[in-house]
Amino acid sequence: DNNKLTSVTFTLQLAAGGQPIDLSKTFITVVNPKDGLRKSFVASEVDNWIYSIQGDNPDDYLEEFEKVEITLDLSDLNLEPNEDFIIEIKPPIGATYPIELKVPPSIDSVMVLLR
């Protein structure tokens, strides 16, 4: 459907001095607060979410000076224009990191959503 958000790609990096994060044990949940729909993503499940690390040591750990690009399939969350949604990133250690976003008023095949 051309009028719904079907996927999202975002980049993460550790804070200065942050401990390495094992992405294979990281959970991501996307919540559509309007209707309560939520979808959970676990890296260890095949094709559940896709990530690629840019850095000197491409393994499952996000380490200092590395960036990870994560793509999530949101097609079954029915995110329509102007709806709020939340991406919650829960590493195996540390606090959950929420990213609050809004679907733009019109949707193109490729867009940049700013926080």
N, C-alpha and C. Protein backbone atom coordinates (compact mmCIF):
# COMPACT_ATOMS: atom_id res chain seq x y z
N ASP A 1 0.85 -1.18 0.00
CA ASP A 1 0.00 0.00 0.00
C ASP A 1 0.89 1.24 0.00
N ASN A 2 0.62 2.18 -0.90
CA ASN A 2 1.45 3.39 -1.02
C ASN A 2 1.21 4.39 0.09
N ASN A 3 0.17 4.19 0.88
CA ASN A 3 -0.16 5.16 1.90
C ASN A 3 0.17 4.68 3.30
N LYS A 4 1.07 3.70 3.42
CA LYS A 4 1.49 3.19 4.72
C LYS A 4 3.00 3.06 4.76
N LEU A 5 3.54 3.20 5.96
CA LEU A 5 4.98 3.01 6.17
C LEU A 5 5.24 1.52 6.27
N THR A 6 6.08 0.98 5.39
CA THR A 6 6.30 -0.47 5.36
C THR A 6 7.64 -0.91 5.93
N SER A 7 8.62 -0.02 5.98
CA SER A 7 9.91 -0.38 6.58
C SER A 7 10.60 0.89 7.05
N VAL A 8 11.58 0.67 7.92
CA VAL A 8 12.36 1.79 8.43
C VAL A 8 13.80 1.32 8.58
N THR A 9 14.73 2.21 8.25
CA THR A 9 16.16 1.95 8.40
C THR A 9 16.76 3.06 9.25
N PHE A 10 17.56 2.68 10.24
CA PHE A 10 18.19 3.69 11.10
C PHE A 10 19.59 3.23 11.47
N THR A 11 20.40 4.17 11.94
CA THR A 11 21.80 3.91 12.29
C THR A 11 22.01 4.16 13.78
N LEU A 12 22.76 3.26 14.41
CA LEU A 12 23.11 3.40 15.83
C LEU A 12 24.62 3.42 15.99
N GLN A 13 25.06 4.09 17.03
CA GLN A 13 26.48 4.13 17.40
C GLN A 13 26.54 4.23 18.92
N LEU A 14 27.56 3.66 19.52
CA LEU A 14 27.72 3.73 20.96
C LEU A 14 28.01 5.17 21.40
N ALA A 15 27.58 5.50 22.61
CA ALA A 15 27.96 6.78 23.20
C ALA A 15 29.45 6.70 23.55
N ALA A 16 30.09 7.83 23.69
CA ALA A 16 31.52 7.84 24.03
C ALA A 16 31.76 7.04 25.31
N GLY A 17 32.68 6.11 25.25
CA GLY A 17 33.00 5.27 26.40
C GLY A 17 32.01 4.16 26.67
N GLY A 18 31.03 3.97 25.78
CA GLY A 18 30.01 2.95 25.98
C GLY A 18 30.57 1.54 25.83
N GLN A 19 29.95 0.60 26.53
CA GLN A 19 30.35 -0.81 26.45
C GLN A 19 29.86 -1.42 25.14
N PRO A 20 30.61 -2.35 24.55
CA PRO A 20 30.15 -3.04 23.33
C PRO A 20 28.80 -3.71 23.55
N ILE A 21 27.99 -3.76 22.51
CA ILE A 21 26.65 -4.34 22.57
C ILE A 21 26.61 -5.55 21.65
N ASP A 22 26.15 -6.67 22.18
CA ASP A 22 25.97 -7.89 21.39
C ASP A 22 24.63 -7.77 20.66
N LEU A 23 24.68 -7.48 19.37
CA LEU A 23 23.45 -7.29 18.59
C LEU A 23 22.63 -8.57 18.48
N SER A 24 23.28 -9.73 18.57
CA SER A 24 22.53 -10.99 18.47
C SER A 24 21.64 -11.22 19.69
N LYS A 25 21.85 -10.44 20.76
CA LYS A 25 21.04 -10.56 21.97
C LYS A 25 20.22 -9.29 22.23
N THR A 26 20.16 -8.43 21.24
CA THR A 26 19.42 -7.18 21.37
C THR A 26 18.00 -7.36 20.85
N PHE A 27 17.03 -6.82 21.56
CA PHE A 27 15.63 -6.87 21.16
C PHE A 27 15.20 -5.49 20.69
N ILE A 28 14.37 -5.46 19.67
CA ILE A 28 13.79 -4.20 19.20
C ILE A 28 12.29 -4.41 19.13
N THR A 29 11.55 -3.45 19.69
CA THR A 29 10.09 -3.50 19.62
C THR A 29 9.62 -2.20 18.97
N VAL A 30 8.67 -2.33 18.05
CA VAL A 30 8.06 -1.15 17.44
C VAL A 30 6.60 -1.13 17.89
N VAL A 31 6.17 0.01 18.40
CA VAL A 31 4.83 0.14 18.95
C VAL A 31 4.06 1.20 18.18
N ASN A 32 2.82 0.86 17.81
CA ASN A 32 1.88 1.81 17.23
C ASN A 32 0.89 2.15 18.34
N PRO A 33 1.11 3.28 19.06
CA PRO A 33 0.29 3.59 20.23
C PRO A 33 -1.20 3.77 19.89
N LYS A 34 -1.52 4.15 18.67
CA LYS A 34 -2.92 4.42 18.30
C LYS A 34 -3.80 3.20 18.51
N ASP A 35 -3.33 2.05 18.04
CA ASP A 35 -4.16 0.84 18.16
C ASP A 35 -3.51 -0.25 19.01
N GLY A 36 -2.36 0.07 19.63
CA GLY A 36 -1.72 -0.88 20.52
C GLY A 36 -0.95 -1.99 19.83
N LEU A 37 -0.88 -1.96 18.50
CA LEU A 37 -0.12 -2.99 17.79
C LEU A 37 1.35 -2.85 18.11
N ARG A 38 2.01 -3.98 18.31
CA ARG A 38 3.45 -3.97 18.55
C ARG A 38 4.06 -5.16 17.83
N LYS A 39 5.29 -4.96 17.40
CA LYS A 39 6.02 -6.02 16.73
C LYS A 39 7.41 -6.07 17.35
N SER A 40 7.82 -7.28 17.73
CA SER A 40 9.14 -7.45 18.33
C SER A 40 10.09 -8.09 17.33
N PHE A 41 11.32 -7.65 17.39
CA PHE A 41 12.37 -8.14 16.50
C PHE A 41 13.51 -8.68 17.35
N VAL A 42 14.01 -9.85 16.98
CA VAL A 42 15.14 -10.47 17.66
C VAL A 42 16.16 -10.83 16.59
N ALA A 43 17.38 -10.36 16.74
CA ALA A 43 18.39 -10.56 15.69
C ALA A 43 18.69 -12.03 15.46
N SER A 44 18.56 -12.85 16.50
CA SER A 44 18.91 -14.26 16.35
C SER A 44 17.90 -15.03 15.50
N GLU A 45 16.72 -14.45 15.25
CA GLU A 45 15.73 -15.10 14.40
C GLU A 45 15.99 -14.70 12.95
N VAL A 46 16.14 -15.68 12.09
CA VAL A 46 16.50 -15.44 10.70
C VAL A 46 15.49 -14.50 10.03
N ASP A 47 15.98 -13.53 9.31
CA ASP A 47 15.17 -12.58 8.54
C ASP A 47 14.25 -11.71 9.39
N ASN A 48 14.45 -11.67 10.71
CA ASN A 48 13.59 -10.86 11.54
C ASN A 48 13.96 -9.38 11.45
N TRP A 49 15.24 -9.10 11.46
CA TRP A 49 15.73 -7.76 11.17
C TRP A 49 17.10 -7.89 10.54
N ILE A 50 17.46 -6.89 9.80
CA ILE A 50 18.70 -6.93 9.02
C ILE A 50 19.61 -5.85 9.57
N TYR A 51 20.87 -6.19 9.80
CA TYR A 51 21.80 -5.16 10.21
C TYR A 51 23.16 -5.37 9.56
N SER A 52 23.86 -4.28 9.38
CA SER A 52 25.22 -4.35 8.86
C SER A 52 26.06 -3.37 9.65
N ILE A 53 27.24 -3.81 10.04
CA ILE A 53 28.14 -2.97 10.85
C ILE A 53 29.22 -2.39 9.96
N GLN A 54 29.42 -1.08 10.09
CA GLN A 54 30.52 -0.42 9.39
C GLN A 54 31.61 -0.17 10.41
N GLY A 55 32.76 -0.78 10.21
CA GLY A 55 33.87 -0.61 11.13
C GLY A 55 34.98 -1.59 10.80
N ASP A 56 35.99 -1.64 11.65
CA ASP A 56 37.16 -2.48 11.40
C ASP A 56 36.93 -3.96 11.66
N ASN A 57 35.94 -4.30 12.47
CA ASN A 57 35.75 -5.67 12.90
C ASN A 57 34.28 -6.07 12.77
N PRO A 58 33.80 -6.40 11.56
CA PRO A 58 32.38 -6.69 11.37
C PRO A 58 31.97 -8.05 11.98
N ASP A 59 31.50 -8.00 13.23
CA ASP A 59 30.98 -9.19 13.90
C ASP A 59 29.61 -8.83 14.48
N ASP A 60 29.12 -9.56 15.46
CA ASP A 60 27.81 -9.26 16.04
C ASP A 60 27.87 -8.22 17.15
N TYR A 61 29.05 -7.68 17.43
CA TYR A 61 29.21 -6.69 18.49
C TYR A 61 29.34 -5.30 17.90
N LEU A 62 28.54 -4.38 18.44
CA LEU A 62 28.69 -2.97 18.11
C LEU A 62 29.71 -2.42 19.10
N GLU A 63 30.84 -1.97 18.58
CA GLU A 63 31.94 -1.52 19.42
C GLU A 63 32.26 -0.06 19.14
N GLU A 64 33.17 0.50 19.95
CA GLU A 64 33.54 1.90 19.83
C GLU A 64 33.93 2.23 18.39
N PHE A 65 33.46 3.36 17.90
CA PHE A 65 33.72 3.90 16.56
C PHE A 65 33.02 3.13 15.43
N GLU A 66 32.23 2.11 15.75
CA GLU A 66 31.47 1.40 14.72
C GLU A 66 30.05 1.96 14.67
N LYS A 67 29.43 1.78 13.52
CA LYS A 67 28.02 2.15 13.34
C LYS A 67 27.30 0.92 12.82
N VAL A 68 26.04 0.78 13.20
CA VAL A 68 25.24 -0.32 12.70
C VAL A 68 24.00 0.27 12.03
N GLU A 69 23.69 -0.23 10.85
CA GLU A 69 22.49 0.18 10.13
C GLU A 69 21.48 -0.95 10.25
N ILE A 70 20.30 -0.64 10.77
CA ILE A 70 19.27 -1.64 11.04
C ILE A 70 18.04 -1.34 10.18
N THR A 71 17.52 -2.37 9.53
CA THR A 71 16.30 -2.25 8.72
C THR A 71 15.23 -3.16 9.31
N LEU A 72 14.04 -2.60 9.54
CA LEU A 72 12.92 -3.34 10.11
C LEU A 72 11.75 -3.34 9.13
N ASP A 73 11.08 -4.47 9.01
CA ASP A 73 9.87 -4.59 8.19
C ASP A 73 8.67 -4.23 9.07
N LEU A 74 7.99 -3.15 8.74
CA LEU A 74 6.85 -2.67 9.53
C LEU A 74 5.53 -2.84 8.80
N SER A 75 5.51 -3.62 7.74
CA SER A 75 4.33 -3.69 6.88
C SER A 75 3.07 -4.16 7.59
N ASP A 76 3.20 -4.95 8.65
CA ASP A 76 1.99 -5.44 9.33
C ASP A 76 1.57 -4.57 10.52
N LEU A 77 2.19 -3.39 10.69
CA LEU A 77 1.79 -2.49 11.78
C LEU A 77 0.78 -1.43 11.35
N ASN A 78 0.48 -1.35 10.07
CA ASN A 78 -0.53 -0.41 9.57
C ASN A 78 -0.25 1.03 9.98
N LEU A 79 0.99 1.48 9.79
CA LEU A 79 1.36 2.85 10.14
C LEU A 79 0.98 3.79 9.01
N GLU A 80 0.00 4.63 9.26
CA GLU A 80 -0.53 5.54 8.25
C GLU A 80 0.02 6.95 8.46
N PRO A 81 -0.17 7.84 7.48
CA PRO A 81 0.33 9.21 7.59
C PRO A 81 -0.08 9.89 8.90
N ASN A 82 0.86 10.64 9.45
CA ASN A 82 0.70 11.44 10.68
C ASN A 82 0.57 10.62 11.96
N GLU A 83 0.73 9.31 11.91
CA GLU A 83 0.66 8.50 13.12
C GLU A 83 2.01 8.48 13.83
N ASP A 84 1.96 8.53 15.15
CA ASP A 84 3.16 8.39 15.96
C ASP A 84 3.50 6.91 16.09
N PHE A 85 4.79 6.60 16.20
CA PHE A 85 5.22 5.24 16.52
C PHE A 85 6.52 5.31 17.28
N ILE A 86 6.81 4.26 18.02
CA ILE A 86 7.99 4.23 18.89
C ILE A 86 8.81 2.99 18.56
N ILE A 87 10.11 3.20 18.37
CA ILE A 87 11.05 2.09 18.23
C ILE A 87 11.81 2.00 19.55
N GLU A 88 11.70 0.85 20.22
CA GLU A 88 12.39 0.64 21.50
C GLU A 88 13.53 -0.34 21.28
N ILE A 89 14.75 0.08 21.60
CA ILE A 89 15.93 -0.76 21.43
C ILE A 89 16.38 -1.19 22.82
N LYS A 90 16.42 -2.51 23.05
CA LYS A 90 16.80 -3.04 24.36
C LYS A 90 18.03 -3.91 24.21
N PRO A 91 19.22 -3.36 24.53
CA PRO A 91 20.44 -4.17 24.48
C PRO A 91 20.45 -5.17 25.65
N PRO A 92 21.30 -6.20 25.58
CA PRO A 92 21.34 -7.19 26.66
C PRO A 92 21.75 -6.60 28.02
N ILE A 93 22.50 -5.49 27.99
CA ILE A 93 22.83 -4.77 29.22
C ILE A 93 22.50 -3.31 29.01
N GLY A 94 22.10 -2.65 30.06
CA GLY A 94 21.78 -1.23 29.96
C GLY A 94 20.30 -0.98 29.77
N ALA A 95 19.97 0.28 29.66
CA ALA A 95 18.58 0.71 29.58
C ALA A 95 18.03 0.62 28.16
N THR A 96 16.71 0.56 28.08
CA THR A 96 16.01 0.61 26.79
C THR A 96 16.13 2.02 26.23
N TYR A 97 16.34 2.10 24.90
CA TYR A 97 16.47 3.39 24.25
C TYR A 97 15.27 3.58 23.31
N PRO A 98 14.33 4.48 23.67
CA PRO A 98 13.17 4.70 22.79
C PRO A 98 13.45 5.78 21.75
N ILE A 99 12.97 5.55 20.55
CA ILE A 99 13.03 6.55 19.48
C ILE A 99 11.59 6.83 19.08
N GLU A 100 11.12 8.06 19.33
CA GLU A 100 9.74 8.42 19.00
C GLU A 100 9.73 9.13 17.66
N LEU A 101 8.92 8.62 16.74
CA LEU A 101 8.85 9.16 15.38
C LEU A 101 7.40 9.37 14.97
N LYS A 102 7.22 10.10 13.88
CA LYS A 102 5.89 10.31 13.30
C LYS A 102 5.97 10.00 11.82
N VAL A 103 4.98 9.25 11.34
CA VAL A 103 4.90 8.97 9.91
C VAL A 103 4.60 10.30 9.21
N PRO A 104 5.32 10.61 8.12
CA PRO A 104 5.07 11.88 7.43
C PRO A 104 3.65 11.94 6.83
N PRO A 105 3.18 13.15 6.52
CA PRO A 105 1.83 13.31 5.97
C PRO A 105 1.64 12.64 4.61
N SER A 106 2.70 12.56 3.83
CA SER A 106 2.63 11.82 2.56
C SER A 106 3.84 10.90 2.51
N ILE A 107 3.67 9.75 1.89
CA ILE A 107 4.71 8.73 1.91
C ILE A 107 5.20 8.46 0.49
N ASP A 108 6.53 8.58 0.32
CA ASP A 108 7.18 8.24 -0.93
C ASP A 108 7.92 6.92 -0.74
N SER A 109 8.42 6.34 -1.82
CA SER A 109 9.10 5.04 -1.71
C SER A 109 10.36 5.10 -0.87
N VAL A 110 11.06 6.23 -0.85
CA VAL A 110 12.24 6.41 0.01
C VAL A 110 12.12 7.79 0.65
N MET A 111 12.25 7.81 1.99
CA MET A 111 12.13 9.06 2.73
C MET A 111 13.10 9.07 3.88
N VAL A 112 13.42 10.26 4.39
CA VAL A 112 14.25 10.42 5.58
C VAL A 112 13.36 10.99 6.68
N LEU A 113 13.25 10.24 7.79
CA LEU A 113 12.47 10.72 8.93
C LEU A 113 13.46 11.25 9.96
N LEU A 114 13.29 12.50 10.32
CA LEU A 114 14.16 13.13 11.30
C LEU A 114 13.49 13.12 12.66
N ARG A 115 14.30 12.99 13.66
CA ARG A 115 13.78 12.97 15.02
C ARG A 115 13.76 14.35 15.57
